[in-house]
Each structure stands twice: as structure tokens, then as C-alpha cells.
Amino acid sequence: MKTAHKIRMNPTPEQVEYLKRACGTRRFVYNWGREQWEKQYQAYKREQETTPEEHRVLTPPNAFALKKQFNAIREELYPWTYAVTKCAVEGAFDDLGKAYNNFFAGRADYPKYKKKGKAHESFYLSNDKFTVGSHWISIPGLGGFILDQRKQRKDRGKRKRTLGTVNLSEKLRFVEAETASFPLNKRNQRKQVLCERVKILGATVSCEAGHWYVSVQLEMNKVVPPTPEPVVGVDVGLKQAAVVSDGRVLENQKPLALHLKKLGKLQRQLSRKQKTKDPETGKTTFSKNYQKQRMKVARKHQQIANIRRDVQHKFTTELARTCGAIGIEDLNIVGMMANRKLSRAVADAAMGQLLQLLKTKVATSGGNLFVASRWFPSTKRCSGCGQVKKRMPLKHRTYQCLNCGLVIDRDLNASVNLAQFAQTQLRHSSA
């Protein structure tokens, strides 16, 4: 099983300078590869249109060939890229190849250039280039970079910690049972996940709203607990974020709606901060107060996302641990977002994120998840007799069956229908 553990980092100002430079190097290399890909593809396309087949020599561009081309000119044209780990350069070409593969497969739009200040700042570390210990991680090239900077400033400073290691807010959660040391604190014991084998695959260092995180990707062999018996259905919506067929309800926290007034005030303050655009180069220069205010807006967005994510994590974890089979419905989230009256509420509910967390955690706990088609009449069908209504407008919050006389909440009725769907699929799979 493959999973990841995202941990908050606590770097010093000197270490932050290195992390920012590594992110900038990765962004520059990605943009260089994106530009060269476009030029080489246009040249390949012209040759295909104008040159006979026996005289054609060009091939379509690919990420591996671009990496070899960049390494050939790197020392002469871009020597400053050697100041950071080579993983930042190699990861940029891997990301570029994935971006084009997703575009050709129809899963994403055409790759765009990454702009400083707007693109997600991150860089990749291969598994043989870093070490994770107890509340620390060693990043390649970090110690040498800090020493070089201190020599240039002629200020070595106090060496309070190892220069190449960054403090982490918590330990790696996944540990091997043979080498595990059991913590005395019960809360830390609950966090620890004992595995038969743990193999680190890599890590991604990223920055979100001024905070630095490392996401450690790993592969593990974990003893799957016995699957519980209950079979339930889960219906997600807007009035209640999720309704379970056994009566459990996840209330819609509406974090964006609750913080929208404060967020709007921060954004209006941001719009009044000074920024100047050079008419010749077209480059925009932002003032220090603009940068400070933009960080406040980012922190507010992060707070809203964390509130939503925390509630969904707790709810899906409880469901995965207590239910053996769960029935859910495939939703057309993109189509729902197209409704201008409901788009903000749909985005605030994050139904797609809730279903994705449920899929991941049910698979981890050894349960079964059955996804009904988006055309499955979970809301229109009576959970008592199976009668299907022609219409069920959103304003009708109670389902009333004209055939058997059943009166039930529409969301609970849909969850019961999904539970029946899961039971049917479970019987077919076990037969």
C-alpha cells in the first residue's frame, strides 16, 4: 500500500532562503522545459508538413531528452542551479512530462508557465538523498549552502543545530513494528501506525501560506484489521454534508460562508496596497505592505481549508473503521459548479474531497466501497417499495411515497437506497 505523511517543518531563516531558492530553481527549469518543448514540437510539426518522410530527422519532444539537453548546457549557462540539490532539477522535468501526459490523456488542460507568487512552490527529493529522523529531516545541499552564505557575509553565527537538518513538528507516523519504540504519551501512541515493512519512496517540500511542509511518500505492508459487518450508504449534499443510512449525520460546517466577511475585508485591504508596473518590461513590483497583506489573505484561505479538511478526515475515519461496506454515488461535480446559484455552496461543501477521502480510507481499513452511477435514482426511488418518482425538486426536503405511504427525509432515503445498492453488489461479488 502506498501512502504519504505530511508534516509541518520549522526551518530557520537561513534554511528558508535555501528552500525558496530550490523552489525557484525548480520553477525556472520547468518553464525552460515548457518553452523548449513548444519550440521543438513546432519544428517537428513543420517538418512533418513540409519534408518527405525519408528525409525527416526530428522526433517529438519528451521530458528525458529535454533533461539531457539542459544538463549539457547547465554548467555554462545556468551555473547557479548547482547551489541546490539536483533533485529540484530532475523533479521539474518529471513534473513537465506528467503535465503533458495528462494533457494528451484528456485529464488536464495544456501545461502553463509557472509564475512566481502564483504557482505552488515545491520541489521533490528522491528517497536516497534525504534522511528522516526523530523530529528532523536532512535536506541535501542545505548545510553547504548556509556555510557559503555565511562566508560571503563574514558572519558564521551561532551553530545551535546541525545546519543540514530541519526541525519537524512530529515524527513519521508509520514505523516498523520490530524497531518501534512505544511512546509514553497515549496521544502519541494513537498516532503511531505499526507496519510490517516501511519503504520511503520520496518526499516533496512545499510552502503554503508562508508555512513549510514535507510530504513523505512511502510504501508499507500493514496488517489489515478484520472487516466489520455493517453495510451503510452515504449520501452527500449541501444541507447536510453527509447523511449515513444508520442515522449518523455530518453537518455542513460552511467554513467559507462563515469567514466570507473577514476574507472580503482582507482582500479589499490587499487591493489598496501599492503595486507598480514597469511599462517597458511589463514587470509588476509589489510593496512590502502588499506582500504582508497577501500573506494574511493566504492564511485565511488556509484556515478555511483546514476547518473543512479536519471535519471530513474525522468523519471518514470513523466510517471506515466501523463499516464493512459503503455505498456512495458518483457525482457530476463540474456540472453542479456550473449552476451560478449553487456554485459557491458546492465548492464550500467540498463533496469531491469527502468522497475521495472515503475511497482512500475504506481501502486502507480493508472494507468495500461500491460506487453507484450518477444516473442511479437514489433520491427519486422509495427505499420502502422501490417506486421511482418522475421528479424530485430540490425544494422538497421530505420524500412522500404515493404507493406505500412512506414519509422520510429525502437525504436519509437516498442513503438507504445506496445501502441497499451496496448490499446487492456485495452479494454479487461474494457469489
Protein backbone atom coordinates (compact mmCIF):
# COMPACT_ATOMS: atom_id res chain seq x y z
CA MET A 1 0.00 0.00 0.00
CA LYS A 2 1.27 3.47 -0.89
CA THR A 3 0.51 6.47 1.27
CA ALA A 4 2.00 9.78 2.40
CA HIS A 5 2.54 11.65 5.65
CA LYS A 6 2.54 15.45 5.52
CA ILE A 7 4.50 17.10 8.34
CA ARG A 8 4.94 20.76 9.26
CA MET A 9 8.55 21.99 9.10
CA ASN A 10 10.13 24.64 11.34
CA PRO A 11 13.10 25.97 9.34
CA THR A 12 15.38 28.81 10.42
CA PRO A 13 15.56 31.99 8.28
CA GLU A 14 18.80 30.71 6.71
CA GLN A 15 17.13 27.42 5.83
CA VAL A 16 14.10 29.21 4.41
CA GLU A 17 16.40 31.04 1.99
CA TYR A 18 17.66 27.69 0.66
CA LEU A 19 14.14 26.24 0.40
CA LYS A 20 12.95 29.28 -1.56
CA ARG A 21 15.92 29.05 -3.91
CA ALA A 22 15.24 25.35 -4.52
CA CYS A 23 11.59 26.14 -5.34
CA GLY A 24 12.69 28.94 -7.67
CA THR A 25 15.17 26.65 -9.42
CA ARG A 26 12.50 24.05 -9.96
CA ARG A 27 10.13 26.72 -11.34
CA PHE A 28 12.79 28.11 -13.72
CA VAL A 29 13.73 24.64 -15.04
CA TYR A 30 10.07 23.76 -15.55
CA ASN A 31 9.48 26.96 -17.55
CA TRP A 32 12.66 26.35 -19.58
CA GLY A 33 11.48 22.84 -20.43
CA ARG A 34 7.99 24.11 -21.28
CA GLU A 35 9.47 26.69 -23.70
CA GLN A 36 11.82 24.19 -25.36
CA TRP A 37 9.03 21.61 -25.67
CA GLU A 38 6.88 24.10 -27.57
CA LYS A 39 9.73 25.15 -29.89
CA GLN A 40 10.77 21.58 -30.66
CA TYR A 41 7.20 20.47 -31.22
CA GLN A 42 6.57 23.34 -33.69
CA ALA A 43 9.78 22.43 -35.55
CA TYR A 44 8.73 18.75 -35.61
CA LYS A 45 5.28 19.71 -36.88
CA ARG A 46 6.69 21.89 -39.71
CA GLU A 47 9.00 19.07 -40.77
CA GLN A 48 6.09 16.64 -40.88
CA GLU A 49 4.15 19.00 -43.14
CA THR A 50 6.93 20.11 -45.50
CA THR A 51 9.60 17.36 -45.61
CA PRO A 52 9.28 13.96 -47.29
CA GLU A 53 9.18 11.02 -44.91
CA GLU A 54 12.57 9.61 -45.91
CA HIS A 55 14.30 12.94 -45.09
CA ARG A 56 12.71 13.57 -41.68
CA VAL A 57 15.11 13.62 -38.73
CA LEU A 58 13.21 15.29 -35.90
CA THR A 59 11.27 13.40 -33.22
CA PRO A 60 8.54 14.61 -30.87
CA PRO A 61 9.91 16.19 -27.66
CA ASN A 62 9.96 14.30 -24.37
CA ALA A 63 10.99 15.08 -20.82
CA PHE A 64 14.01 12.75 -20.74
CA ALA A 65 15.56 14.28 -23.89
CA LEU A 66 14.99 17.80 -22.55
CA LYS A 67 16.73 16.86 -19.29
CA LYS A 68 19.78 15.64 -21.18
CA GLN A 69 19.79 18.83 -23.24
CA PHE A 70 19.58 21.01 -20.12
CA ASN A 71 22.38 19.12 -18.33
CA ALA A 72 24.64 19.62 -21.36
CA ILE A 73 24.36 23.44 -21.14
CA ARG A 74 23.73 23.74 -17.41
CA GLU A 75 27.29 24.40 -16.27
CA GLU A 76 27.92 27.05 -18.92
CA LEU A 77 24.62 28.97 -18.95
CA TYR A 78 22.98 28.22 -15.61
CA PRO A 79 25.72 27.52 -13.03
CA TRP A 80 23.59 28.98 -10.22
CA THR A 81 21.33 25.90 -10.39
CA TYR A 82 24.13 23.89 -8.73
CA ALA A 83 23.54 25.82 -5.48
CA VAL A 84 20.62 23.50 -4.65
CA THR A 85 20.07 19.77 -4.80
CA LYS A 86 19.85 18.15 -8.23
CA CYS A 87 16.52 16.64 -7.20
CA ALA A 88 14.90 20.04 -7.81
CA VAL A 89 16.04 19.95 -11.47
CA GLU A 90 15.16 16.31 -12.08
CA GLY A 91 11.77 16.68 -10.40
CA ALA A 92 10.94 19.64 -12.65
CA PHE A 93 11.35 17.54 -15.79
CA ASP A 94 9.32 14.72 -14.23
CA ASP A 95 6.52 17.17 -13.49
CA LEU A 96 6.72 18.52 -17.04
CA GLY A 97 6.40 15.03 -18.51
CA LYS A 98 3.41 14.25 -16.28
CA ALA A 99 1.74 17.53 -17.22
CA TYR A 100 1.94 16.76 -20.94
CA ASN A 101 0.88 13.14 -20.41
CA ASN A 102 -2.20 14.32 -18.50
CA PHE A 103 -2.98 16.78 -21.29
CA PHE A 104 -2.70 14.17 -24.05
CA ALA A 105 -4.84 11.77 -22.00
CA GLY A 106 -7.56 14.42 -21.61
CA ARG A 107 -7.18 14.67 -17.81
CA ALA A 108 -5.90 18.27 -17.68
CA ASP A 109 -5.52 21.48 -19.66
CA TYR A 110 -2.45 22.39 -21.70
CA PRO A 111 0.58 22.99 -19.41
CA LYS A 112 1.14 26.62 -18.49
CA TYR A 113 4.19 28.52 -17.31
CA LYS A 114 4.67 28.72 -13.55
CA LYS A 115 4.62 32.30 -12.32
CA LYS A 116 6.42 33.42 -9.18
CA GLY A 117 3.96 34.31 -6.44
CA LYS A 118 1.08 32.40 -8.04
CA ALA A 119 2.39 28.90 -8.72
CA HIS A 120 2.53 26.31 -5.94
CA GLU A 121 6.05 26.48 -4.53
CA SER A 122 7.54 22.99 -4.08
CA PHE A 123 10.40 20.70 -5.05
CA TYR A 124 10.97 16.95 -4.98
CA LEU A 125 13.53 14.87 -3.06
CA SER A 126 14.44 11.33 -4.13
CA ASN A 127 14.49 8.64 -1.45
CA ASP A 128 18.30 8.24 -1.41
CA LYS A 129 19.02 11.95 -0.94
CA PHE A 130 17.39 12.67 2.43
CA THR A 131 17.01 11.09 5.86
CA VAL A 132 14.06 11.33 8.24
CA GLY A 133 14.77 11.00 11.95
CA SER A 134 13.00 11.80 15.18
CA HIS A 135 11.54 15.27 14.61
CA TRP A 136 14.12 16.17 11.93
CA ILE A 137 14.86 15.74 8.23
CA SER A 138 18.19 16.23 6.47
CA ILE A 139 17.99 18.00 3.10
CA PRO A 140 20.87 17.59 0.62
CA GLY A 141 22.96 20.69 -0.04
CA LEU A 142 21.38 22.70 2.77
CA GLY A 143 24.39 22.76 5.11
CA GLY A 144 26.89 23.71 2.39
CA PHE A 145 24.60 26.48 1.14
CA ILE A 146 24.32 28.05 4.60
CA LEU A 147 28.09 27.92 5.12
CA ASP A 148 28.69 29.61 1.76
CA GLN A 149 26.22 32.35 2.63
CA ARG A 150 27.89 32.91 6.00
CA LYS A 151 31.32 33.16 4.37
CA GLN A 152 30.04 35.78 1.97
CA ARG A 153 28.61 37.77 4.90
CA LYS A 154 31.74 37.04 7.00
CA ASP A 155 29.41 36.03 9.82
CA ARG A 156 29.44 32.40 10.87
CA GLY A 157 26.84 32.89 13.62
CA LYS A 158 25.98 30.52 16.43
CA ARG A 159 25.61 26.90 15.44
CA LYS A 160 22.60 25.92 17.54
CA ARG A 161 21.64 22.92 15.41
CA THR A 162 23.07 20.87 12.57
CA LEU A 163 22.93 23.11 9.52
CA GLY A 164 21.71 20.47 7.10
CA THR A 165 18.74 19.30 9.20
CA VAL A 166 15.34 20.96 9.53
CA ASN A 167 13.16 20.57 12.61
CA LEU A 168 9.82 18.75 12.16
CA SER A 169 6.73 19.25 14.28
CA GLU A 170 6.12 15.50 14.66
CA LYS A 171 7.68 12.11 13.99
CA LEU A 172 6.99 9.97 10.97
CA ARG A 173 3.75 8.20 11.81
CA PHE A 174 4.43 4.91 10.00
CA VAL A 175 7.05 2.75 11.74
CA GLU A 176 8.09 -0.89 11.55
CA ALA A 177 6.81 -3.00 14.43
CA GLU A 178 10.18 -4.64 15.10
CA THR A 179 12.07 -1.38 15.59
CA ALA A 180 9.24 0.68 17.08
CA SER A 181 9.72 2.46 20.40
CA PHE A 182 6.38 2.89 22.12
CA PRO A 183 5.83 6.45 23.38
CA LEU A 184 4.59 7.01 26.93
CA ASN A 185 2.02 9.60 25.88
CA LYS A 186 -1.26 7.90 24.92
CA ARG A 187 -1.99 10.54 22.29
CA ASN A 188 1.32 9.79 20.57
CA GLN A 189 0.58 6.07 20.80
CA ARG A 190 -2.66 6.57 18.88
CA LYS A 191 -0.79 8.48 16.18
CA GLN A 192 1.73 5.68 15.63
CA VAL A 193 0.89 3.20 12.85
CA LEU A 194 2.71 -0.12 13.19
CA CYS A 195 3.60 -1.80 9.90
CA GLU A 196 5.39 -4.98 8.89
CA ARG A 197 7.61 -3.09 6.43
CA VAL A 198 8.08 0.59 5.58
CA LYS A 199 9.93 1.82 2.49
CA ILE A 200 10.35 5.53 1.81
CA LEU A 201 9.77 6.37 -1.87
CA GLY A 202 10.47 10.10 -1.86
CA ALA A 203 9.40 13.43 -0.40
CA THR A 204 8.00 16.76 -1.56
CA VAL A 205 8.85 20.01 0.21
CA SER A 206 6.22 22.71 -0.28
CA CYS A 207 5.19 26.12 1.01
CA GLU A 208 1.61 27.05 1.84
CA ALA A 209 0.70 30.48 3.20
CA GLY A 210 4.23 31.01 4.49
CA HIS A 211 4.38 27.63 6.25
CA TRP A 212 6.73 24.89 5.05
CA TYR A 213 5.69 21.23 4.85
CA VAL A 214 7.28 17.97 3.79
CA SER A 215 5.13 15.17 2.42
CA VAL A 216 6.93 11.83 2.76
CA GLN A 217 5.70 9.23 0.27
CA LEU A 218 6.16 5.64 1.41
CA GLU A 219 5.17 2.10 0.70
CA MET A 220 4.14 -0.13 3.59
CA ASN A 221 2.90 -3.59 4.44
CA LYS A 222 0.21 -3.24 7.07
CA VAL A 223 -1.84 -5.93 8.78
CA VAL A 224 -5.41 -5.29 7.60
CA PRO A 225 -7.86 -5.50 10.53
CA PRO A 226 -10.93 -7.76 10.22
CA THR A 227 -13.65 -6.13 8.18
CA PRO A 228 -16.68 -5.01 10.25
CA GLU A 229 -20.11 -6.28 9.27
CA PRO A 230 -22.33 -3.17 8.92
CA VAL A 231 -23.28 -2.14 5.38
CA VAL A 232 -24.29 1.51 5.03
CA GLY A 233 -24.96 4.09 2.37
CA VAL A 234 -23.68 7.66 2.40
CA ASP A 235 -25.46 10.49 0.62
CA VAL A 236 -23.57 13.78 0.33
CA GLY A 237 -25.28 17.10 -0.17
CA LEU A 238 -25.46 20.77 0.73
CA LYS A 239 -27.91 21.00 3.64
CA GLN A 240 -26.06 18.19 5.42
CA ALA A 241 -22.57 17.44 4.20
CA ALA A 242 -23.25 13.69 4.52
CA VAL A 243 -26.11 11.52 5.75
CA VAL A 244 -25.47 7.86 6.65
CA SER A 245 -28.22 5.26 6.41
CA ASP A 246 -27.73 4.29 10.09
CA GLY A 247 -28.68 7.81 11.23
CA ARG A 248 -25.27 9.48 11.51
CA VAL A 249 -25.14 12.98 10.04
CA LEU A 250 -22.21 15.25 9.16
CA GLU A 251 -23.41 18.81 9.38
CA ASN A 252 -22.22 21.21 6.69
CA GLN A 253 -19.78 23.48 8.52
CA LYS A 254 -19.84 26.10 5.73
CA PRO A 255 -16.38 27.47 6.64
CA LEU A 256 -16.21 29.77 3.61
CA ALA A 257 -19.63 31.28 4.31
CA LEU A 258 -18.72 31.88 7.97
CA HIS A 259 -15.40 33.58 7.12
CA LEU A 260 -16.52 35.31 3.91
CA LYS A 261 -16.98 38.73 5.56
CA LYS A 262 -13.50 38.69 7.10
CA LEU A 263 -11.99 37.33 3.88
CA GLY A 264 -13.61 40.09 1.83
CA LYS A 265 -12.24 42.74 4.19
CA LEU A 266 -8.72 41.34 3.88
CA GLN A 267 -8.97 41.23 0.09
CA ARG A 268 -10.21 44.83 -0.10
CA GLN A 269 -7.26 45.89 2.04
CA LEU A 270 -4.97 43.98 -0.33
CA SER A 271 -6.39 45.78 -3.37
CA ARG A 272 -5.42 49.15 -1.84
CA LYS A 273 -1.77 48.25 -1.31
CA GLN A 274 0.79 49.77 -3.63
CA LYS A 275 1.95 47.96 -6.76
CA THR A 276 3.66 49.47 -9.80
CA LYS A 277 4.05 48.07 -13.29
CA ASP A 278 7.05 48.90 -15.47
CA PRO A 279 5.70 49.94 -18.92
CA GLU A 280 8.86 48.78 -20.69
CA THR A 281 9.35 45.33 -19.18
CA GLY A 282 5.78 44.74 -18.03
CA LYS A 283 7.05 43.51 -14.64
CA THR A 284 4.97 44.38 -11.59
CA THR A 285 6.71 45.43 -8.37
CA PHE A 286 4.82 44.89 -5.13
CA SER A 287 5.40 46.87 -1.95
CA LYS A 288 6.34 45.29 1.37
CA ASN A 289 2.88 46.00 2.77
CA TYR A 290 1.36 44.27 -0.25
CA GLN A 291 3.40 41.16 0.49
CA LYS A 292 2.36 41.23 4.15
CA GLN A 293 -1.31 41.63 3.31
CA ARG A 294 -1.19 38.87 0.69
CA MET A 295 0.17 36.55 3.37
CA LYS A 296 -2.81 37.42 5.61
CA VAL A 297 -5.22 36.54 2.80
CA ALA A 298 -3.39 33.26 2.20
CA ARG A 299 -3.51 32.40 5.90
CA LYS A 300 -7.26 33.00 5.96
CA HIS A 301 -7.75 30.72 2.95
CA GLN A 302 -5.62 28.09 4.67
CA GLN A 303 -7.69 28.37 7.85
CA ILE A 304 -10.91 27.82 5.87
CA ALA A 305 -9.48 24.78 4.10
CA ASN A 306 -8.14 23.31 7.35
CA ILE A 307 -11.54 23.57 9.08
CA ARG A 308 -13.19 21.74 6.21
CA ARG A 309 -10.45 19.12 5.93
CA ASP A 310 -10.36 18.39 9.67
CA VAL A 311 -14.09 17.64 9.89
CA GLN A 312 -14.05 15.45 6.80
CA HIS A 313 -10.99 13.50 7.99
CA LYS A 314 -12.63 12.68 11.33
CA PHE A 315 -15.93 11.67 9.74
CA THR A 316 -14.43 9.44 7.05
CA THR A 317 -12.06 7.79 9.54
CA GLU A 318 -14.98 6.86 11.80
CA LEU A 319 -16.96 5.44 8.87
CA ALA A 320 -14.02 3.41 7.55
CA ARG A 321 -13.36 1.86 10.98
CA THR A 322 -16.96 0.95 11.78
CA CYS A 323 -18.42 -0.12 8.40
CA GLY A 324 -17.54 -3.11 6.27
CA ALA A 325 -19.20 -1.97 3.04
CA ILE A 326 -20.24 1.53 2.00
CA GLY A 327 -22.34 2.62 -0.95
CA ILE A 328 -21.84 6.08 -2.43
CA GLU A 329 -22.97 7.83 -5.58
CA ASP A 330 -20.80 9.19 -8.38
CA LEU A 331 -21.47 12.93 -8.64
CA ASN A 332 -21.06 15.34 -11.53
CA ILE A 333 -19.22 17.99 -9.52
CA VAL A 334 -18.27 20.00 -12.61
CA GLY A 335 -21.90 20.18 -13.70
CA MET A 336 -23.00 21.25 -10.22
CA MET A 337 -20.38 24.00 -10.21
CA ALA A 338 -21.86 25.35 -13.45
CA ASN A 339 -25.01 26.39 -11.56
CA ARG A 340 -24.31 30.02 -10.71
CA LYS A 341 -26.77 29.96 -7.80
CA LEU A 342 -25.21 26.94 -6.10
CA SER A 343 -21.57 27.02 -7.24
CA ARG A 344 -20.22 28.74 -4.11
CA ALA A 345 -22.15 26.39 -1.80
CA VAL A 346 -20.98 23.35 -3.78
CA ALA A 347 -17.36 24.50 -3.58
CA ASP A 348 -17.71 25.20 0.15
CA ALA A 349 -19.09 21.70 0.81
CA ALA A 350 -16.13 20.03 -1.00
CA MET A 351 -18.13 16.90 -1.78
CA GLY A 352 -15.48 15.57 -4.15
CA GLN A 353 -12.82 15.77 -1.42
CA LEU A 354 -15.12 13.95 1.02
CA LEU A 355 -15.74 11.08 -1.40
CA GLN A 356 -12.02 10.82 -2.23
CA LEU A 357 -11.09 10.58 1.45
CA LEU A 358 -13.72 7.90 1.91
CA LYS A 359 -12.34 5.86 -1.00
CA THR A 360 -8.80 6.01 0.36
CA LYS A 361 -9.64 5.17 3.98
CA VAL A 362 -12.06 2.35 3.21
CA ALA A 363 -9.38 0.68 1.10
CA THR A 364 -6.86 1.13 3.93
CA SER A 365 -9.17 -0.40 6.55
CA GLY A 366 -9.97 -3.45 4.42
CA GLY A 367 -13.60 -2.57 3.66
CA ASN A 368 -15.51 -2.45 0.39
CA LEU A 369 -16.69 0.68 -1.37
CA PHE A 370 -19.34 0.48 -4.09
CA VAL A 371 -19.91 3.50 -6.32
CA ALA A 372 -23.34 3.83 -7.95
CA SER A 373 -23.69 5.53 -11.32
CA ARG A 374 -24.64 9.18 -11.34
CA TRP A 375 -27.88 8.10 -13.05
CA PHE A 376 -28.81 5.83 -10.14
CA PRO A 377 -32.18 7.17 -8.78
CA SER A 378 -31.13 7.31 -5.15
CA THR A 379 -33.24 10.39 -4.41
CA LYS A 380 -36.27 9.58 -6.58
CA ARG A 381 -36.68 5.95 -5.54
CA CYS A 382 -38.64 4.91 -2.47
CA SER A 383 -36.48 2.95 -0.06
CA GLY A 384 -39.53 1.01 1.14
CA CYS A 385 -41.23 -0.27 -2.02
CA GLY A 386 -38.86 0.72 -4.82
CA GLN A 387 -41.27 3.08 -6.60
CA VAL A 388 -39.43 5.74 -8.64
CA LYS A 389 -40.81 9.25 -8.95
CA LYS A 390 -40.52 11.21 -12.18
CA ARG A 391 -39.43 14.44 -10.47
CA MET A 392 -37.97 15.33 -7.08
CA PRO A 393 -37.19 19.08 -6.97
CA LEU A 394 -34.54 20.33 -4.58
CA LYS A 395 -37.09 22.35 -2.58
CA HIS A 396 -38.86 19.16 -1.45
CA ARG A 397 -36.88 18.09 1.62
CA THR A 398 -39.22 15.23 2.56
CA TYR A 399 -39.85 12.16 0.43
CA GLN A 400 -43.50 11.05 0.38
CA CYS A 401 -44.27 7.82 -1.47
CA LEU A 402 -47.72 7.75 -3.09
CA ASN A 403 -47.53 3.96 -3.45
CA CYS A 404 -46.74 2.73 0.09
CA GLY A 405 -47.21 5.97 2.06
CA LEU A 406 -43.61 6.18 3.34
CA VAL A 407 -42.64 9.61 4.66
CA ILE A 408 -38.88 10.09 5.19
CA ASP A 409 -36.20 12.74 4.85
CA ARG A 410 -35.00 12.85 1.25
CA ASP A 411 -31.29 12.59 2.17
CA LEU A 412 -31.89 9.66 4.54
CA ASN A 413 -33.99 7.97 1.85
CA ALA A 414 -31.13 8.35 -0.64
CA SER A 415 -28.60 6.91 1.83
CA VAL A 416 -30.84 3.89 2.49
CA ASN A 417 -31.11 3.27 -1.26
CA LEU A 418 -27.32 3.42 -1.53
CA ALA A 419 -27.01 0.95 1.36
CA GLN A 420 -29.35 -1.44 -0.48
CA PHE A 421 -27.23 -0.97 -3.62
CA ALA A 422 -24.09 -1.85 -1.62
CA GLN A 423 -25.74 -4.97 -0.20
CA THR A 424 -26.71 -6.10 -3.70
CA GLN A 425 -23.20 -5.54 -5.05
CA LEU A 426 -21.70 -7.34 -2.02
CA ARG A 427 -23.88 -10.40 -2.67
CA HIS A 428 -22.88 -10.44 -6.34
CA SER A 429 -19.17 -10.14 -5.51
CA SER A 430 -19.29 -12.94 -2.93
CA ALA A 431 -21.32 -15.28 -5.15
